[in-house]
Amino acid sequence: MSFSLTDLEARVAERAKAPPEQSWTAKLLAGGPPRAAKKFGEEAVELVIALTEGEEGPIVAEAADVLYHLMVGLKARNIPLASVLQELERRTGQSGLAEKASRPK
């Protein structure tokens, strides 16, 4: 399998060009960043529930929903996936505990 988050980002960008009545992505984006954020939050909660219950199928499905809605949220704010990946790369040079401690309070 060779589908990546970059592929998902490209698919979201392509579907964003469609009329809202023809694309779920376009419909979410038409509602602006708050709509995209609300839907992402709903999906995140569903993933938390699935993780708590422990069944693999629902976890995989909800994780896919979270990743998709994350890409829509980033698109709503015109933030490229590359920026998120750069931040993750920046953080790999130190432990998670050290990185968290270095954040402004």
PDB file of N, CA and C in Angstrom:
ATOM      1  N   MET A   1       0.848  -1.182   0.000  1.00  0.00           N
ATOM      2  CA  MET A   1       0.000   0.000   0.000  1.00  0.00           C
ATOM      3  C   MET A   1       0.889   1.239   0.000  1.00  0.00           C
ATOM      4  N   SER A   2       0.525   2.198  -0.828  1.00  0.00           N
ATOM      5  CA  SER A   2       1.375   3.381  -0.925  1.00  0.00           C
ATOM      6  C   SER A   2       0.598   4.679  -0.711  1.00  0.00           C
ATOM      7  N   PHE A   3      -0.563   4.616  -0.114  1.00  0.00           N
ATOM      8  CA  PHE A   3      -1.341   5.819   0.164  1.00  0.00           C
ATOM      9  C   PHE A   3      -0.745   6.520   1.376  1.00  0.00           C
ATOM     10  N   SER A   4      -0.508   7.818   1.260  1.00  0.00           N
ATOM     11  CA  SER A   4       0.153   8.560   2.331  1.00  0.00           C
ATOM     12  C   SER A   4      -0.692   9.756   2.766  1.00  0.00           C
ATOM     13  N   LEU A   5      -0.254  10.395   3.828  1.00  0.00           N
ATOM     14  CA  LEU A   5      -0.920  11.624   4.256  1.00  0.00           C
ATOM     15  C   LEU A   5      -0.790  12.716   3.191  1.00  0.00           C
ATOM     16  N   THR A   6       0.293  12.705   2.455  1.00  0.00           N
ATOM     17  CA  THR A   6       0.450  13.655   1.353  1.00  0.00           C
ATOM     18  C   THR A   6      -0.590  13.393   0.276  1.00  0.00           C
ATOM     19  N   ASP A   7      -0.861  12.111  -0.002  1.00  0.00           N
ATOM     20  CA  ASP A   7      -1.917  11.762  -0.953  1.00  0.00           C
ATOM     21  C   ASP A   7      -3.276  12.245  -0.440  1.00  0.00           C
ATOM     22  N   LEU A   8      -3.519  12.063   0.847  1.00  0.00           N
ATOM     23  CA  LEU A   8      -4.782  12.503   1.437  1.00  0.00           C
ATOM     24  C   LEU A   8      -4.913  14.024   1.350  1.00  0.00           C
ATOM     25  N   GLU A   9      -3.832  14.728   1.634  1.00  0.00           N
ATOM     26  CA  GLU A   9      -3.857  16.186   1.528  1.00  0.00           C
ATOM     27  C   GLU A   9      -4.213  16.605   0.099  1.00  0.00           C
ATOM     28  N   ALA A  10      -3.641  15.940  -0.900  1.00  0.00           N
ATOM     29  CA  ALA A  10      -3.931  16.270  -2.297  1.00  0.00           C
ATOM     30  C   ALA A  10      -5.392  15.965  -2.642  1.00  0.00           C
ATOM     31  N   ARG A  11      -5.901  14.869  -2.132  1.00  0.00           N
ATOM     32  CA  ARG A  11      -7.297  14.511  -2.397  1.00  0.00           C
ATOM     33  C   ARG A  11      -8.241  15.536  -1.765  1.00  0.00           C
ATOM     34  N   VAL A  12      -7.947  15.959  -0.553  1.00  0.00           N
ATOM     35  CA  VAL A  12      -8.764  16.983   0.103  1.00  0.00           C
ATOM     36  C   VAL A  12      -8.737  18.274  -0.712  1.00  0.00           C
ATOM     37  N   ALA A  13      -7.565  18.669  -1.183  1.00  0.00           N
ATOM     38  CA  ALA A  13      -7.441  19.892  -1.986  1.00  0.00           C
ATOM     39  C   ALA A  13      -8.253  19.782  -3.273  1.00  0.00           C
ATOM     40  N   GLU A  14      -8.224  18.628  -3.892  1.00  0.00           N
ATOM     41  CA  GLU A  14      -8.981  18.425  -5.127  1.00  0.00           C
ATOM     42  C   GLU A  14     -10.486  18.471  -4.859  1.00  0.00           C
ATOM     43  N   ARG A  15     -10.925  17.783  -3.827  1.00  0.00           N
ATOM     44  CA  ARG A  15     -12.359  17.747  -3.510  1.00  0.00           C
ATOM     45  C   ARG A  15     -12.867  19.092  -3.002  1.00  0.00           C
ATOM     46  N   ALA A  16     -11.988  19.904  -2.477  1.00  0.00           N
ATOM     47  CA  ALA A  16     -12.381  21.230  -2.003  1.00  0.00           C
ATOM     48  C   ALA A  16     -12.845  22.121  -3.155  1.00  0.00           C
ATOM     49  N   LYS A  17     -12.441  21.800  -4.362  1.00  0.00           N
ATOM     50  CA  LYS A  17     -12.801  22.596  -5.538  1.00  0.00           C
ATOM     51  C   LYS A  17     -14.222  22.322  -6.025  1.00  0.00           C
ATOM     52  N   ALA A  18     -14.829  21.245  -5.563  1.00  0.00           N
ATOM     53  CA  ALA A  18     -16.162  20.863  -6.015  1.00  0.00           C
ATOM     54  C   ALA A  18     -17.223  21.749  -5.347  1.00  0.00           C
ATOM     55  N   PRO A  19     -18.404  21.796  -5.924  1.00  0.00           N
ATOM     56  CA  PRO A  19     -19.498  22.509  -5.249  1.00  0.00           C
ATOM     57  C   PRO A  19     -19.861  21.789  -3.947  1.00  0.00           C
ATOM     58  N   PRO A  20     -20.217  22.529  -2.902  1.00  0.00           N
ATOM     59  CA  PRO A  20     -20.532  21.909  -1.611  1.00  0.00           C
ATOM     60  C   PRO A  20     -21.626  20.847  -1.674  1.00  0.00           C
ATOM     61  N   GLU A  21     -22.546  20.964  -2.611  1.00  0.00           N
ATOM     62  CA  GLU A  21     -23.608  19.963  -2.710  1.00  0.00           C
ATOM     63  C   GLU A  21     -23.127  18.666  -3.372  1.00  0.00           C
ATOM     64  N   GLN A  22     -21.884  18.655  -3.840  1.00  0.00           N
ATOM     65  CA  GLN A  22     -21.341  17.458  -4.495  1.00  0.00           C
ATOM     66  C   GLN A  22     -20.176  16.830  -3.745  1.00  0.00           C
ATOM     67  N   SER A  23     -19.711  17.464  -2.678  1.00  0.00           N
ATOM     68  CA  SER A  23     -18.526  16.969  -1.981  1.00  0.00           C
ATOM     69  C   SER A  23     -18.625  17.259  -0.489  1.00  0.00           C
ATOM     70  N   TRP A  24     -18.438  16.219   0.318  1.00  0.00           N
ATOM     71  CA  TRP A  24     -18.432  16.389   1.770  1.00  0.00           C
ATOM     72  C   TRP A  24     -17.298  17.331   2.182  1.00  0.00           C
ATOM     73  N   THR A  25     -16.158  17.176   1.554  1.00  0.00           N
ATOM     74  CA  THR A  25     -15.024  18.044   1.853  1.00  0.00           C
ATOM     75  C   THR A  25     -15.382  19.503   1.587  1.00  0.00           C
ATOM     76  N   ALA A  26     -15.929  19.765   0.409  1.00  0.00           N
ATOM     77  CA  ALA A  26     -16.303  21.136   0.052  1.00  0.00           C
ATOM     78  C   ALA A  26     -17.380  21.664   0.992  1.00  0.00           C
ATOM     79  N   LYS A  27     -18.304  20.798   1.396  1.00  0.00           N
ATOM     80  CA  LYS A  27     -19.370  21.224   2.317  1.00  0.00           C
ATOM     81  C   LYS A  27     -18.786  21.615   3.677  1.00  0.00           C
ATOM     82  N   LEU A  28     -17.862  20.814   4.188  1.00  0.00           N
ATOM     83  CA  LEU A  28     -17.211  21.165   5.457  1.00  0.00           C
ATOM     84  C   LEU A  28     -16.463  22.487   5.338  1.00  0.00           C
ATOM     85  N   LEU A  29     -15.724  22.647   4.266  1.00  0.00           N
ATOM     86  CA  LEU A  29     -14.933  23.866   4.084  1.00  0.00           C
ATOM     87  C   LEU A  29     -15.822  25.092   3.885  1.00  0.00           C
ATOM     88  N   ALA A  30     -16.979  24.902   3.287  1.00  0.00           N
ATOM     89  CA  ALA A  30     -17.905  26.020   3.104  1.00  0.00           C
ATOM     90  C   ALA A  30     -18.398  26.548   4.454  1.00  0.00           C
ATOM     91  N   GLY A  31     -18.382  25.697   5.467  1.00  0.00           N
ATOM     92  CA  GLY A  31     -18.774  26.117   6.811  1.00  0.00           C
ATOM     93  C   GLY A  31     -17.680  26.853   7.554  1.00  0.00           C
ATOM     94  N   GLY A  32     -16.523  26.966   6.936  1.00  0.00           N
ATOM     95  CA  GLY A  32     -15.405  27.683   7.540  1.00  0.00           C
ATOM     96  C   GLY A  32     -14.653  26.849   8.561  1.00  0.00           C
ATOM     97  N   PRO A  33     -13.549  27.393   9.055  1.00  0.00           N
ATOM     98  CA  PRO A  33     -12.734  26.672  10.030  1.00  0.00           C
ATOM     99  C   PRO A  33     -13.498  26.175  11.264  1.00  0.00           C
ATOM    100  N   PRO A  34     -14.450  26.945  11.797  1.00  0.00           N
ATOM    101  CA  PRO A  34     -15.165  26.423  12.971  1.00  0.00           C
ATOM    102  C   PRO A  34     -15.926  25.123  12.678  1.00  0.00           C
ATOM    103  N   ARG A  35     -16.526  25.022  11.495  1.00  0.00           N
ATOM    104  CA  ARG A  35     -17.253  23.796  11.128  1.00  0.00           C
ATOM    105  C   ARG A  35     -16.288  22.634  10.998  1.00  0.00           C
ATOM    106  N   ALA A  36     -15.159  22.861  10.340  1.00  0.00           N
ATOM    107  CA  ALA A  36     -14.156  21.811  10.181  1.00  0.00           C
ATOM    108  C   ALA A  36     -13.614  21.377  11.542  1.00  0.00           C
ATOM    109  N   ALA A  37     -13.382  22.332  12.416  1.00  0.00           N
ATOM    110  CA  ALA A  37     -12.860  22.023  13.752  1.00  0.00           C
ATOM    111  C   ALA A  37     -13.871  21.229  14.568  1.00  0.00           C
ATOM    112  N   LYS A  38     -15.131  21.593  14.490  1.00  0.00           N
ATOM    113  CA  LYS A  38     -16.180  20.882  15.227  1.00  0.00           C
ATOM    114  C   LYS A  38     -16.252  19.428  14.768  1.00  0.00           C
ATOM    115  N   LYS A  39     -16.206  19.218  13.463  1.00  0.00           N
ATOM    116  CA  LYS A  39     -16.282  17.853  12.941  1.00  0.00           C
ATOM    117  C   LYS A  39     -15.048  17.062  13.337  1.00  0.00           C
ATOM    118  N   PHE A  40     -13.880  17.684  13.304  1.00  0.00           N
ATOM    119  CA  PHE A  40     -12.658  17.011  13.749  1.00  0.00           C
ATOM    120  C   PHE A  40     -12.800  16.592  15.214  1.00  0.00           C
ATOM    121  N   GLY A  41     -13.313  17.474  16.045  1.00  0.00           N
ATOM    122  CA  GLY A  41     -13.507  17.161  17.459  1.00  0.00           C
ATOM    123  C   GLY A  41     -14.450  15.994  17.664  1.00  0.00           C
ATOM    124  N   GLU A  42     -15.537  15.969  16.909  1.00  0.00           N
ATOM    125  CA  GLU A  42     -16.482  14.849  17.005  1.00  0.00           C
ATOM    126  C   GLU A  42     -15.792  13.531  16.659  1.00  0.00           C
ATOM    127  N   GLU A  43     -15.012  13.556  15.596  1.00  0.00           N
ATOM    128  CA  GLU A  43     -14.324  12.335  15.164  1.00  0.00           C
ATOM    129  C   GLU A  43     -13.258  11.919  16.176  1.00  0.00           C
ATOM    130  N   ALA A  44     -12.591  12.890  16.776  1.00  0.00           N
ATOM    131  CA  ALA A  44     -11.578  12.576  17.788  1.00  0.00           C
ATOM    132  C   ALA A  44     -12.219  11.890  18.990  1.00  0.00           C
ATOM    133  N   VAL A  45     -13.379  12.373  19.405  1.00  0.00           N
ATOM    134  CA  VAL A  45     -14.081  11.740  20.522  1.00  0.00           C
ATOM    135  C   VAL A  45     -14.475  10.309  20.156  1.00  0.00           C
ATOM    136  N   GLU A  46     -14.945  10.110  18.947  1.00  0.00           N
ATOM    137  CA  GLU A  46     -15.314   8.762  18.501  1.00  0.00           C
ATOM    138  C   GLU A  46     -14.097   7.834  18.508  1.00  0.00           C
ATOM    139  N   LEU A  47     -12.936   8.369  18.154  1.00  0.00           N
ATOM    140  CA  LEU A  47     -11.718   7.554  18.201  1.00  0.00           C
ATOM    141  C   LEU A  47     -11.350   7.217  19.644  1.00  0.00           C
ATOM    142  N   VAL A  48     -11.474   8.169  20.532  1.00  0.00           N
ATOM    143  CA  VAL A  48     -11.189   7.910  21.947  1.00  0.00           C
ATOM    144  C   VAL A  48     -12.087   6.786  22.462  1.00  0.00           C
ATOM    145  N   ILE A  49     -13.347   6.836  22.121  1.00  0.00           N
ATOM    146  CA  ILE A  49     -14.274   5.780  22.552  1.00  0.00           C
ATOM    147  C   ILE A  49     -13.850   4.438  21.975  1.00  0.00           C
ATOM    148  N   ALA A  50     -13.524   4.415  20.689  1.00  0.00           N
ATOM    149  CA  ALA A  50     -13.103   3.167  20.055  1.00  0.00           C
ATOM    150  C   ALA A  50     -11.821   2.630  20.700  1.00  0.00           C
ATOM    151  N   LEU A  51     -10.878   3.506  20.995  1.00  0.00           N
ATOM    152  CA  LEU A  51      -9.640   3.071  21.648  1.00  0.00           C
ATOM    153  C   LEU A  51      -9.919   2.498  23.032  1.00  0.00           C
ATOM    154  N   THR A  52     -10.859   3.085  23.724  1.00  0.00           N
ATOM    155  CA  THR A  52     -11.227   2.599  25.048  1.00  0.00           C
ATOM    156  C   THR A  52     -11.862   1.213  24.962  1.00  0.00           C
ATOM    157  N   GLU A  53     -12.708   1.026  23.957  1.00  0.00           N
ATOM    158  CA  GLU A  53     -13.397  -0.258  23.809  1.00  0.00           C
ATOM    159  C   GLU A  53     -12.482  -1.348  23.270  1.00  0.00           C
ATOM    160  N   GLY A  54     -11.500  -0.983  22.460  1.00  0.00           N
ATOM    161  CA  GLY A  54     -10.449  -1.902  22.059  1.00  0.00           C
ATOM    162  C   GLY A  54     -10.665  -2.768  20.840  1.00  0.00           C
ATOM    163  N   GLU A  55     -11.752  -2.606  20.116  1.00  0.00           N
ATOM    164  CA  GLU A  55     -11.976  -3.403  18.905  1.00  0.00           C
ATOM    165  C   GLU A  55     -11.197  -2.796  17.736  1.00  0.00           C
ATOM    166  N   GLU A  56     -10.392  -3.607  17.068  1.00  0.00           N
ATOM    167  CA  GLU A  56      -9.505  -3.091  16.017  1.00  0.00           C
ATOM    168  C   GLU A  56     -10.253  -2.429  14.864  1.00  0.00           C
ATOM    169  N   GLY A  57     -11.301  -3.037  14.354  1.00  0.00           N
ATOM    170  CA  GLY A  57     -12.021  -2.478  13.205  1.00  0.00           C
ATOM    171  C   GLY A  57     -12.510  -1.065  13.438  1.00  0.00           C
ATOM    172  N   PRO A  58     -13.252  -0.834  14.532  1.00  0.00           N
ATOM    173  CA  PRO A  58     -13.695   0.542  14.798  1.00  0.00           C
ATOM    174  C   PRO A  58     -12.543   1.514  15.056  1.00  0.00           C
ATOM    175  N   ILE A  59     -11.469   1.050  15.677  1.00  0.00           N
ATOM    176  CA  ILE A  59     -10.311   1.931  15.908  1.00  0.00           C
ATOM    177  C   ILE A  59      -9.729   2.381  14.577  1.00  0.00           C
ATOM    178  N   VAL A  60      -9.537   1.442  13.663  1.00  0.00           N
ATOM    179  CA  VAL A  60      -8.974   1.768  12.351  1.00  0.00           C
ATOM    180  C   VAL A  60      -9.887   2.734  11.600  1.00  0.00           C
ATOM    181  N   ALA A  61     -11.194   2.461  11.613  1.00  0.00           N
ATOM    182  CA  ALA A  61     -12.146   3.322  10.902  1.00  0.00           C
ATOM    183  C   ALA A  61     -12.166   4.732  11.491  1.00  0.00           C
ATOM    184  N   GLU A  62     -12.200   4.829  12.802  1.00  0.00           N
ATOM    185  CA  GLU A  62     -12.239   6.149  13.435  1.00  0.00           C
ATOM    186  C   GLU A  62     -10.911   6.894  13.273  1.00  0.00           C
ATOM    187  N   ALA A  63      -9.793   6.170  13.305  1.00  0.00           N
ATOM    188  CA  ALA A  63      -8.497   6.808  13.079  1.00  0.00           C
ATOM    189  C   ALA A  63      -8.436   7.389  11.665  1.00  0.00           C
ATOM    190  N   ALA A  64      -8.980   6.660  10.697  1.00  0.00           N
ATOM    191  CA  ALA A  64      -9.030   7.170   9.321  1.00  0.00           C
ATOM    192  C   ALA A  64      -9.879   8.436   9.258  1.00  0.00           C
ATOM    193  N   ASP A  65     -11.023   8.431   9.954  1.00  0.00           N
ATOM    194  CA  ASP A  65     -11.875   9.625   9.988  1.00  0.00           C
ATOM    195  C   ASP A  65     -11.131  10.810  10.598  1.00  0.00           C
ATOM    196  N   VAL A  66     -10.390  10.559  11.673  1.00  0.00           N
ATOM    197  CA  VAL A  66      -9.637  11.634  12.333  1.00  0.00           C
ATOM    198  C   VAL A  66      -8.580  12.209  11.383  1.00  0.00           C
ATOM    199  N   LEU A  67      -7.850  11.353  10.707  1.00  0.00           N
ATOM    200  CA  LEU A  67      -6.818  11.849   9.788  1.00  0.00           C
ATOM    201  C   LEU A  67      -7.440  12.668   8.653  1.00  0.00           C
ATOM    202  N   TYR A  68      -8.537  12.158   8.090  1.00  0.00           N
ATOM    203  CA  TYR A  68      -9.217  12.900   7.021  1.00  0.00           C
ATOM    204  C   TYR A  68      -9.681  14.272   7.523  1.00  0.00           C
ATOM    205  N   HIS A  69     -10.355  14.289   8.666  1.00  0.00           N
ATOM    206  CA  HIS A  69     -10.884  15.558   9.165  1.00  0.00           C
ATOM    207  C   HIS A  69      -9.771  16.505   9.632  1.00  0.00           C
ATOM    208  N   LEU A  70      -8.637  15.957  10.060  1.00  0.00           N
ATOM    209  CA  LEU A  70      -7.473  16.794  10.350  1.00  0.00           C
ATOM    210  C   LEU A  70      -7.009  17.496   9.077  1.00  0.00           C
ATOM    211  N   MET A  71      -6.937  16.760   7.980  1.00  0.00           N
ATOM    212  CA  MET A  71      -6.510  17.364   6.710  1.00  0.00           C
ATOM    213  C   MET A  71      -7.493  18.444   6.265  1.00  0.00           C
ATOM    214  N   VAL A  72      -8.784  18.218   6.480  1.00  0.00           N
ATOM    215  CA  VAL A  72      -9.784  19.235   6.135  1.00  0.00           C
ATOM    216  C   VAL A  72      -9.589  20.472   7.017  1.00  0.00           C
ATOM    217  N   GLY A  73      -9.349  20.270   8.299  1.00  0.00           N
ATOM    218  CA  GLY A  73      -9.118  21.399   9.200  1.00  0.00           C
ATOM    219  C   GLY A  73      -7.888  22.204   8.815  1.00  0.00           C
ATOM    220  N   LEU A  74      -6.831  21.501   8.459  1.00  0.00           N
ATOM    221  CA  LEU A  74      -5.628  22.210   8.017  1.00  0.00           C
ATOM    222  C   LEU A  74      -5.899  22.991   6.738  1.00  0.00           C
ATOM    223  N   LYS A  75      -6.638  22.377   5.816  1.00  0.00           N
ATOM    224  CA  LYS A  75      -7.000  23.057   4.562  1.00  0.00           C
ATOM    225  C   LYS A  75      -7.842  24.298   4.858  1.00  0.00           C
ATOM    226  N   ALA A  76      -8.749  24.190   5.828  1.00  0.00           N
ATOM    227  CA  ALA A  76      -9.604  25.330   6.177  1.00  0.00           C
ATOM    228  C   ALA A  76      -8.783  26.525   6.649  1.00  0.00           C
ATOM    229  N   ARG A  77      -7.627  26.274   7.220  1.00  0.00           N
ATOM    230  CA  ARG A  77      -6.738  27.343   7.708  1.00  0.00           C
ATOM    231  C   ARG A  77      -5.539  27.574   6.790  1.00  0.00           C
ATOM    232  N   ASN A  78      -5.551  26.903   5.620  1.00  0.00           N
ATOM    233  CA  ASN A  78      -4.457  27.033   4.648  1.00  0.00           C
ATOM    234  C   ASN A  78      -3.100  26.714   5.255  1.00  0.00           C
ATOM    235  N   ILE A  79      -3.068  25.676   6.068  1.00  0.00           N
ATOM    236  CA  ILE A  79      -1.817  25.214   6.674  1.00  0.00           C
ATOM    237  C   ILE A  79      -1.409  23.926   5.966  1.00  0.00           C
ATOM    238  N   PRO A  80      -0.274  23.919   5.297  1.00  0.00           N
ATOM    239  CA  PRO A  80       0.145  22.711   4.584  1.00  0.00           C
ATOM    240  C   PRO A  80       0.625  21.617   5.540  1.00  0.00           C
ATOM    241  N   LEU A  81       0.397  20.395   5.139  1.00  0.00           N
ATOM    242  CA  LEU A  81       0.866  19.248   5.902  1.00  0.00           C
ATOM    243  C   LEU A  81       2.370  19.353   6.150  1.00  0.00           C
ATOM    244  N   ALA A  82       3.101  19.887   5.195  1.00  0.00           N
ATOM    245  CA  ALA A  82       4.553  20.031   5.343  1.00  0.00           C
ATOM    246  C   ALA A  82       4.920  20.818   6.598  1.00  0.00           C
ATOM    247  N   SER A  83       4.115  21.802   6.962  1.00  0.00           N
ATOM    248  CA  SER A  83       4.397  22.579   8.180  1.00  0.00           C
ATOM    249  C   SER A  83       4.274  21.713   9.421  1.00  0.00           C
ATOM    250  N   VAL A  84       3.264  20.855   9.441  1.00  0.00           N
ATOM    251  CA  VAL A  84       3.076  19.947  10.574  1.00  0.00           C
ATOM    252  C   VAL A  84       4.227  18.937  10.631  1.00  0.00           C
ATOM    253  N   LEU A  85       4.602  18.416   9.483  1.00  0.00           N
ATOM    254  CA  LEU A  85       5.704  17.451   9.440  1.00  0.00           C
ATOM    255  C   LEU A  85       7.025  18.088   9.860  1.00  0.00           C
ATOM    256  N   GLN A  86       7.235  19.349   9.479  1.00  0.00           N
ATOM    257  CA  GLN A  86       8.446  20.060   9.918  1.00  0.00           C
ATOM    258  C   GLN A  86       8.475  20.207  11.429  1.00  0.00           C
ATOM    259  N   GLU A  87       7.323  20.478  12.019  1.00  0.00           N
ATOM    260  CA  GLU A  87       7.254  20.605  13.474  1.00  0.00           C
ATOM    261  C   GLU A  87       7.548  19.263  14.141  1.00  0.00           C
ATOM    262  N   LEU A  88       7.002  18.200  13.583  1.00  0.00           N
ATOM    263  CA  LEU A  88       7.296  16.870  14.134  1.00  0.00           C
ATOM    264  C   LEU A  88       8.784  16.550  14.019  1.00  0.00           C
ATOM    265  N   GLU A  89       9.370  16.894  12.874  1.00  0.00           N
ATOM    266  CA  GLU A  89      10.803  16.656  12.687  1.00  0.00           C
ATOM    267  C   GLU A  89      11.621  17.454  13.700  1.00  0.00           C
ATOM    268  N   ARG A  90      11.214  18.692  13.938  1.00  0.00           N
ATOM    269  CA  ARG A  90      11.924  19.532  14.911  1.00  0.00           C
ATOM    270  C   ARG A  90      11.902  18.883  16.293  1.00  0.00           C
ATOM    271  N   ARG A  91      10.812  18.266  16.615  1.00  0.00           N
ATOM    272  CA  ARG A  91      10.663  17.667  17.944  1.00  0.00           C
ATOM    273  C   ARG A  91      11.418  16.355  18.114  1.00  0.00           C
ATOM    274  N   THR A  92      11.827  15.720  17.037  1.00  0.00           N
ATOM    275  CA  THR A  92      12.473  14.408  17.162  1.00  0.00           C
ATOM    276  C   THR A  92      13.871  14.487  17.751  1.00  0.00           C
ATOM    277  N   GLY A  93      14.429  15.668  17.848  1.00  0.00           N
ATOM    278  CA  GLY A  93      15.768  15.810  18.386  1.00  0.00           C
ATOM    279  C   GLY A  93      15.834  15.774  19.905  1.00  0.00           C
ATOM    280  N   GLN A  94      14.692  15.667  20.569  1.00  0.00           N
ATOM    281  CA  GLN A  94      14.674  15.641  22.034  1.00  0.00           C
ATOM    282  C   GLN A  94      13.556  14.717  22.499  1.00  0.00           C
ATOM    283  N   SER A  95      13.621  14.352  23.746  1.00  0.00           N
ATOM    284  CA  SER A  95      12.573  13.487  24.280  1.00  0.00           C
ATOM    285  C   SER A  95      11.258  14.262  24.367  1.00  0.00           C
ATOM    286  N   GLY A  96      10.162  13.542  24.378  1.00  0.00           N
ATOM    287  CA  GLY A  96       8.856  14.165  24.515  1.00  0.00           C
ATOM    288  C   GLY A  96       8.728  14.936  25.811  1.00  0.00           C
ATOM    289  N   LEU A  97       9.317  14.422  26.868  1.00  0.00           N
ATOM    290  CA  LEU A  97       9.255  15.111  28.161  1.00  0.00           C
ATOM    291  C   LEU A  97      10.009  16.437  28.116  1.00  0.00           C
ATOM    292  N   ALA A  98      11.179  16.430  27.483  1.00  0.00           N
ATOM    293  CA  ALA A  98      11.966  17.659  27.376  1.00  0.00           C
ATOM    294  C   ALA A  98      11.252  18.667  26.475  1.00  0.00           C
ATOM    295  N   GLU A  99      10.661  18.192  25.394  1.00  0.00           N
ATOM    296  CA  GLU A  99       9.954  19.084  24.483  1.00  0.00           C
ATOM    297  C   GLU A  99       8.777  19.734  25.195  1.00  0.00           C
ATOM    298  N   LYS A 100       8.023  18.948  25.926  1.00  0.00           N
ATOM    299  CA  LYS A 100       6.867  19.487  26.651  1.00  0.00           C
ATOM    300  C   LYS A 100       7.306  20.507  27.700  1.00  0.00           C
ATOM    301  N   ALA A 101       8.387  20.227  28.410  1.00  0.00           N
ATOM    302  CA  ALA A 101       8.887  21.136  29.435  1.00  0.00           C
ATOM    303  C   ALA A 101       9.361  22.462  28.845  1.00  0.00           C
ATOM    304  N   SER A 102       9.782  22.449  27.578  1.00  0.00           N
ATOM    305  CA  SER A 102      10.304  23.669  26.953  1.00  0.00           C
ATOM    306  C   SER A 102       9.210  24.588  26.433  1.00  0.00           C
ATOM    307  N   ARG A 103       7.970  24.136  26.405  1.00  0.00           N
ATOM    308  CA  ARG A 103       6.883  24.954  25.895  1.00  0.00           C
ATOM    309  C   ARG A 103       6.573  26.109  26.851  1.00  0.00           C
ATOM    310  N   PRO A 104       6.201  27.261  26.290  1.00  0.00           N
ATOM    311  CA  PRO A 104       5.814  28.395  27.143  1.00  0.00           C
ATOM    312  C   PRO A 104       4.613  28.023  28.002  1.00  0.00           C
ATOM    313  N   LYS A 105       4.618  28.518  29.231  1.00  0.00           N
ATOM    314  CA  LYS A 105       3.501  28.192  30.132  1.00  0.00           C
ATOM    315  C   LYS A 105       2.473  29.252  30.158  1.00  0.00           C
TER     316      LYS A 105
END
